[in-house]
Every structure is written in structure tokens, then in C-alpha cells.
Amino acid sequence: MVKIDRRGFLGGAMALMGVGGCRSLGIVGEKPNLVFGVISDVHVTTPESTEVFVRTLKYFRDRKVDAVMVAGDLTDWGLKSSYKYLADAWYSVFPNDRAPDGRKVEKLFCTGNHDYDGFWYGDMTLDMHVQGYSEDEALVKFGMKKCWEEAFNEPFAPVRRRTVKGYDFISAEWKEGKPWNVAADEWFAQNGKTLDPKKPFFFFTHYPLGGTTSCTKPDAPTVKALKSMPNAVAFSGHCHWTLNDERSIWQGGYTAVAVPSLSYSCIPAGYENGGDSRRGDPKTSMQKIPARPKLEEAQGYVVSVFDNRMEIERRDFTHGVEAAPAWIVTPPTADSKPFAFENSFKRTPVPQFPADASLKTYIANTEDRDGHWAIMMMLDFPSAKAHKGRVYDYEVRIEMENGSIPVVKRFLAPAFYKLERDEPASQSFAFNAKDLPEVGRYRFCVYPRNCFGACGRPIESKVYESKPGKDKVLKKVKA
């Protein structure tokens, strides 16, 4: 990347942050060198399913973007007809890849796992057949290269390089002859020296790169070449991770960004009101947050590239608003990695309960997630908030009189994937009585947390002794 005047940059960046991350064009009058839209996981099925995609493309068109990046999973079922619907949607907004003023707008698309395998993905396959489609038209049956070039009028290869206004974009396809990360490393070994080290370049693929953003699995593949290229910015999709999670951007040897989904968000694991996006957990008492496809919150980015920085605007396309302050990104150096997790942790606001907040606890006879009768300990309390931030989840601890903590449970904020304004004014969580201590005095303590797990001040319940509802359970068993 270019050499940065830190004093000049910081002054401009702080001014931008002070207005909530609004784009600089029109505020300080500086024109970016390059503007492009970024989305992922469109999951097109039928012609009707392209409505959000078209609306998003129109927004990008009105922002006068130079390109649109889609980081994989263009389709849901991986069918040839889905490519046609996607292409028709694109060309309805950008005929012949052109904006209304005649400028070329580059398609920066790559494939994902659904494009290759979606036609046999369980419940999705059932939906496909119900709607009159068949695996007989799977893209892989006809050949991905052939279908791609027919639909999108451009060459297809396992790794491709496209240049937009002097900036390089390198994409790696999901599965085309060899693992995508191996193909990418081979490409960089052969072509890496041709990339301008004084300018950022953009690598994008569907699967998140190992050791980067929070949605990445520990054993995820890496592209080794990127580790020594601080001017690299890598975008990936697949996780359907929400953009208001500050762990969606990471810096180490390079910069990595998790791209949210244009179709639906996924629920992180490990929460009492969470669970797999398609299956409930029968061991969990509390009803889960509605799963796919009800978590419909179309999200994405607008990226503006300047001489000395990059601005990533976080956009909620469902409501047509900015979802959070923009990320102002400079390249990582030996001395400075602004978006390394340890630095983001210090910067991310910690949520707090209102000063007069109290925790109400009571016993209720209700059903657990599996539909079985249960005695529940209910916890009601007001939602926490954070200045220029938001609550991500709540940690509920049972703290014994002797100082031990035998039970810790976590609950996602119900609108964790939405705007903070969508969060309910109060929360109501449930414990199955069988999970509570058999003996001893204890109280419930609820801690509001941000996405990094930093806790605000807790609120506490009254003191309980033994297990509430134990007598009721015994009587019911004897009956």
C-alpha cells in the first residue's frame, strides 16, 4: 500500500467517525479512487427470489459503484436455471455491464458450495422438488465453466484476476479441479510479483480463511501467500455472519473481512436460545430464535478506496440504512494493526443496563423446546445498551453464597443480527428447573456483553435456597 501520513490520516478518520461513519464523498469533498459493492450468499432459487438482489444492485448503481463483488453461493440449489435468473437480474440493472451513464460496472462473482452441491442439501432438496425443479439441471452436470460463460458472458477459471480502475481483484472458485486455497497459492507463486505493492489488492473467495475473522473454523484453509502481503484485503462469505459483529473484520499480516448474507443470517452456536440453523437442540429448554429462513436481514458493504485508506460502509439493505459506523481501514504494519482483535476489543463499547434496572425472577409451568412440560425459572429484565455500540448477548450466572459459580448460561440478544432499534425493550429468558442447584443459597446474576465477551455491570436476583419447583416435580412424578 501507499505510504501514509499518519497525522493527516488520523485527523480525517476521526472527523468521519464523529459523524457515525458516513461516507466521505460529500462530507469532506474527497473523491475515492474506487468504489465497489460487496455482498455474499445471494442463494437465488426462483425468479421471485432475486427481488432483494435487484434492489441491492439498484442501490449500488445509484452509489455509482465501479464493481459489485459477490463472495459465493450465488444460488441455493446449484441449478442452471438459477444462474439464468441471477444473470437476468444483473442485466436488468446493468445492461451489457453498464451503468446508466455508460460506465462499465465489473461483475466480481465467484462460486460457493451451494453452486456445486446445493441440489442434494437435505431440506433444501425437498423445497427444490416441491417448487418443480430437479437435480437433473445441476450446474455440475452441465459443467460449471460452460454454464458460467453462457450466463455471465465472461471467462471462467479456478483463479481469476480482474482489474478495475487500476486495482486488482483475484478470486478463487469453490471447487474446480483442486482445493481453492491450493489453487490460490499456486497463482500467487506465479503472479504475485506482478501485483503493485504500493496499492491494495482484493482477494475474494467463499470460504473464510483460517485464523482470521470470528466465523472462521480453527482448521479452515489458509492462503499462505497473503500472510506476507500487508496490502492484501480478503473478503469471504459462507458463514452468514452479521456485520454488526466487530469480529467480522480482522488484521494480522493482511486484512480479512467476513461478508454478511444477502438472504438470511445464521445463529452462532453455544446459546440457550440459539441452536443449529435448521435443527433444534432437544437438550435446550428455551425456545430458540427463529431460524432460517426467518432471519431475513439483507446486509452488505460499500467499499471506498482512497490514496491512504479504505472505508467500509456497513449497509442494511432490508431497512435501507447504515447498520453501524463505517470501518476506516489502513494497512497492517509491524507497529500498527488497528483491527487486530486485541485492538478492536479495547475499542468496542461495553453495554450497560439502565441505572434503575432490576431482575425479576419467577416460576412458570410451560413447555421446553422439545414440546415437553417443564417447570421453568423465568428471568425478566430491561435490555442493555452501549453508546455507539450494542449488546450482543447476556451471560447468566448462578452465584452461590460460598462464591462458587456452578451454572453459566448465555443468551443471544434476540435482534443480534438486526439494528439496535429492533431490540425489544425487555428480555425474558428461561431456565429449566432441573438445571438449578439442588441445595445451597444462590442468586442469579445477569451480565450484558459485547461481541468480544466484555461484560457490563450485572443485575442480581433475590436469594434462592434449594431448587424452585422441586416439590411440584416430585408430586407430579408420584401422581
Foldseek 3Di string as FASTA:
>chain_A
DADDPVVVVVVVVVVCVVVFADDCCVPVPDAFLFKEWEAEQLAFQDLVSCPLVLLVLLVCLVVVHQEYEYAANQHQQLFLVRLQSSLVSNCVQQPVCARPVGHHYYYHYAYAPNNQHNCPDPPSVVVCVVVPHHCVRHCVVVPVQVSCCVRPVDGDDQWDWDATSRAIEIEGHCDDPDHRLVVLLVCCVVCVVVHDLNAAHEYGHAADAAPAAPLHDNPHHHNVVQLQRLSYEYEYEDQLAFPQALSQWAADSYIYGYHHHQQFHAFDPAALQHDGLVDDDVVRFAHHQNHPPVRHWGKIWMWGHHSFWIWTFIATSVVGDGQAHIDTGGGDDPVDDCSHPVNVVVVAWWWAAPPPKAKDWDWDFDGGNVRHTFIKIKIKIFATATDRGGFFKKKKWKAFPVGDTPDIHIHGQSVNRGHRVPGDGMDMDIDGLVPDAQFGKTKMWMWTGGSVRDTDHIHIDDIDGGGPCPVVVVVVVVD
